[in-house]
Amino acid sequence: MMDETREGERRETIEELSELFAVVQEMGRRLAEESHGEAYSSVRELNEILHQARLALEKIREGVVR
């Protein structure tokens, strides 16, 4: 029973993180559109990091869902 509860909580946390990353990535895309000059390369770097984090979360999700 305890393992099922923990598993459910873990899945819920992963889903919440996934939703949060989707919002943050959208904000990063908007920032990229609004950025000019030197700031743009930093924004691109940030967006790449956010993308990599979301990919890592997907791998975690796959491991939990199995």
N, C-alpha and C. Protein backbone atom coordinates (compact mmCIF):
# COMPACT_ATOMS: atom_id res chain seq x y z
N MET A 1 0.83 -1.20 0.00
CA MET A 1 0.00 0.00 0.00
C MET A 1 0.87 1.26 0.00
N MET A 2 1.91 1.27 0.85
CA MET A 2 2.79 2.43 0.93
C MET A 2 3.53 2.66 -0.39
N ASP A 3 3.99 1.57 -1.03
CA ASP A 3 4.69 1.70 -2.30
C ASP A 3 3.78 2.28 -3.37
N GLU A 4 2.52 1.86 -3.40
CA GLU A 4 1.56 2.39 -4.37
C GLU A 4 1.33 3.88 -4.15
N THR A 5 1.26 4.30 -2.90
CA THR A 5 1.07 5.71 -2.57
C THR A 5 2.27 6.52 -3.03
N ARG A 6 3.46 6.04 -2.74
CA ARG A 6 4.67 6.74 -3.17
C ARG A 6 4.75 6.81 -4.69
N GLU A 7 4.41 5.73 -5.36
CA GLU A 7 4.45 5.70 -6.82
C GLU A 7 3.47 6.72 -7.40
N GLY A 8 2.28 6.78 -6.82
CA GLY A 8 1.29 7.75 -7.27
C GLY A 8 1.76 9.19 -7.06
N GLU A 9 2.37 9.43 -5.91
CA GLU A 9 2.90 10.77 -5.62
C GLU A 9 4.02 11.13 -6.59
N ARG A 10 4.86 10.15 -6.88
CA ARG A 10 5.96 10.40 -7.81
C ARG A 10 5.43 10.74 -9.20
N ARG A 11 4.45 9.98 -9.65
CA ARG A 11 3.86 10.27 -10.97
C ARG A 11 3.21 11.65 -11.00
N GLU A 12 2.53 12.00 -9.92
CA GLU A 12 1.89 13.31 -9.85
C GLU A 12 2.94 14.42 -9.90
N THR A 13 4.04 14.24 -9.18
CA THR A 13 5.11 15.24 -9.18
C THR A 13 5.72 15.38 -10.56
N ILE A 14 5.93 14.27 -11.25
CA ILE A 14 6.47 14.31 -12.60
C ILE A 14 5.53 15.06 -13.53
N GLU A 15 4.24 14.80 -13.42
CA GLU A 15 3.25 15.49 -14.25
C GLU A 15 3.26 16.99 -13.97
N GLU A 16 3.32 17.36 -12.70
CA GLU A 16 3.35 18.78 -12.34
C GLU A 16 4.61 19.45 -12.88
N LEU A 17 5.75 18.78 -12.77
CA LEU A 17 7.00 19.33 -13.32
C LEU A 17 6.91 19.48 -14.83
N SER A 18 6.32 18.50 -15.48
CA SER A 18 6.18 18.55 -16.93
C SER A 18 5.34 19.75 -17.35
N GLU A 19 4.25 19.97 -16.65
CA GLU A 19 3.40 21.14 -16.94
C GLU A 19 4.16 22.43 -16.69
N LEU A 20 4.91 22.47 -15.60
CA LEU A 20 5.69 23.66 -15.27
C LEU A 20 6.75 23.94 -16.34
N PHE A 21 7.45 22.90 -16.77
CA PHE A 21 8.47 23.07 -17.81
C PHE A 21 7.84 23.57 -19.11
N ALA A 22 6.65 23.09 -19.44
CA ALA A 22 5.99 23.56 -20.66
C ALA A 22 5.73 25.07 -20.58
N VAL A 23 5.29 25.54 -19.43
CA VAL A 23 5.03 26.97 -19.24
C VAL A 23 6.34 27.75 -19.30
N VAL A 24 7.36 27.25 -18.62
CA VAL A 24 8.66 27.95 -18.59
C VAL A 24 9.27 28.00 -19.98
N GLN A 25 9.16 26.90 -20.74
CA GLN A 25 9.69 26.90 -22.10
C GLN A 25 8.95 27.91 -22.98
N GLU A 26 7.66 28.02 -22.83
CA GLU A 26 6.90 29.01 -23.59
C GLU A 26 7.36 30.42 -23.23
N MET A 27 7.61 30.65 -21.96
CA MET A 27 8.11 31.96 -21.54
C MET A 27 9.49 32.22 -22.14
N GLY A 28 10.32 31.18 -22.20
CA GLY A 28 11.64 31.31 -22.81
C GLY A 28 11.54 31.64 -24.29
N ARG A 29 10.59 31.02 -24.98
CA ARG A 29 10.39 31.33 -26.40
C ARG A 29 9.96 32.79 -26.58
N ARG A 30 9.06 33.25 -25.71
CA ARG A 30 8.62 34.64 -25.78
C ARG A 30 9.78 35.59 -25.51
N LEU A 31 10.61 35.24 -24.54
CA LEU A 31 11.77 36.08 -24.22
C LEU A 31 12.73 36.14 -25.40
N ALA A 32 12.90 35.02 -26.08
CA ALA A 32 13.78 35.00 -27.26
C ALA A 32 13.26 35.94 -28.34
N GLU A 33 11.95 35.94 -28.53
CA GLU A 33 11.36 36.83 -29.53
C GLU A 33 11.53 38.30 -29.15
N GLU A 34 11.52 38.57 -27.85
CA GLU A 34 11.62 39.95 -27.37
C GLU A 34 13.06 40.43 -27.20
N SER A 35 14.02 39.50 -27.23
CA SER A 35 15.42 39.84 -26.97
C SER A 35 16.13 40.30 -28.23
N HIS A 36 17.08 41.16 -28.01
CA HIS A 36 17.88 41.68 -29.12
C HIS A 36 19.33 41.76 -28.68
N GLY A 37 20.22 41.76 -29.62
CA GLY A 37 21.64 41.96 -29.33
C GLY A 37 22.25 40.83 -28.53
N GLU A 38 23.15 41.18 -27.61
CA GLU A 38 23.91 40.21 -26.83
C GLU A 38 23.03 39.32 -25.97
N ALA A 39 21.92 39.83 -25.49
CA ALA A 39 21.04 39.05 -24.61
C ALA A 39 20.48 37.83 -25.33
N TYR A 40 20.34 37.91 -26.65
CA TYR A 40 19.72 36.82 -27.40
C TYR A 40 20.50 35.52 -27.24
N SER A 41 21.82 35.55 -27.27
CA SER A 41 22.59 34.31 -27.14
C SER A 41 22.41 33.69 -25.76
N SER A 42 22.29 34.51 -24.75
CA SER A 42 22.04 33.99 -23.40
C SER A 42 20.66 33.37 -23.30
N VAL A 43 19.69 33.97 -23.95
CA VAL A 43 18.33 33.43 -23.96
C VAL A 43 18.30 32.10 -24.69
N ARG A 44 19.01 32.02 -25.82
CA ARG A 44 19.09 30.76 -26.56
C ARG A 44 19.72 29.67 -25.69
N GLU A 45 20.76 30.01 -24.96
CA GLU A 45 21.40 29.05 -24.07
C GLU A 45 20.43 28.59 -22.99
N LEU A 46 19.70 29.52 -22.40
CA LEU A 46 18.70 29.18 -21.39
C LEU A 46 17.66 28.24 -21.98
N ASN A 47 17.17 28.54 -23.16
CA ASN A 47 16.15 27.71 -23.78
C ASN A 47 16.67 26.31 -24.08
N GLU A 48 17.93 26.19 -24.44
CA GLU A 48 18.51 24.86 -24.67
C GLU A 48 18.58 24.08 -23.35
N ILE A 49 18.97 24.74 -22.29
CA ILE A 49 19.01 24.08 -20.97
C ILE A 49 17.62 23.63 -20.56
N LEU A 50 16.62 24.47 -20.77
CA LEU A 50 15.23 24.10 -20.45
C LEU A 50 14.79 22.90 -21.28
N HIS A 51 15.18 22.89 -22.54
CA HIS A 51 14.84 21.76 -23.41
C HIS A 51 15.49 20.47 -22.91
N GLN A 52 16.76 20.53 -22.54
CA GLN A 52 17.46 19.36 -22.03
C GLN A 52 16.83 18.88 -20.72
N ALA A 53 16.42 19.81 -19.87
CA ALA A 53 15.77 19.44 -18.62
C ALA A 53 14.45 18.72 -18.89
N ARG A 54 13.71 19.19 -19.86
CA ARG A 54 12.43 18.55 -20.19
C ARG A 54 12.66 17.16 -20.76
N LEU A 55 13.70 16.99 -21.58
CA LEU A 55 14.04 15.66 -22.10
C LEU A 55 14.41 14.71 -20.96
N ALA A 56 15.17 15.21 -20.00
CA ALA A 56 15.55 14.39 -18.85
C ALA A 56 14.32 13.98 -18.05
N LEU A 57 13.38 14.90 -17.89
CA LEU A 57 12.15 14.59 -17.18
C LEU A 57 11.35 13.52 -17.92
N GLU A 58 11.35 13.57 -19.24
CA GLU A 58 10.66 12.54 -20.02
C GLU A 58 11.29 11.17 -19.80
N LYS A 59 12.61 11.12 -19.71
CA LYS A 59 13.29 9.84 -19.43
C LYS A 59 12.89 9.32 -18.06
N ILE A 60 12.79 10.23 -17.10
CA ILE A 60 12.38 9.83 -15.75
C ILE A 60 10.95 9.29 -15.80
N ARG A 61 10.09 9.99 -16.52
CA ARG A 61 8.70 9.57 -16.65
C ARG A 61 8.61 8.16 -17.26
N GLU A 62 9.38 7.92 -18.29
CA GLU A 62 9.38 6.60 -18.94
C GLU A 62 9.81 5.52 -17.96
N GLY A 63 10.78 5.82 -17.13
CA GLY A 63 11.25 4.85 -16.14
C GLY A 63 10.21 4.55 -15.06
N VAL A 64 9.41 5.55 -14.74
CA VAL A 64 8.39 5.37 -13.70
C VAL A 64 7.16 4.67 -14.26
N VAL A 65 6.82 4.96 -15.49
CA VAL A 65 5.60 4.41 -16.08
C VAL A 65 5.74 2.94 -16.43
N ARG A 66 6.94 2.49 -16.68
CA ARG A 66 7.15 1.09 -17.08
C ARG A 66 6.51 0.13 -16.18
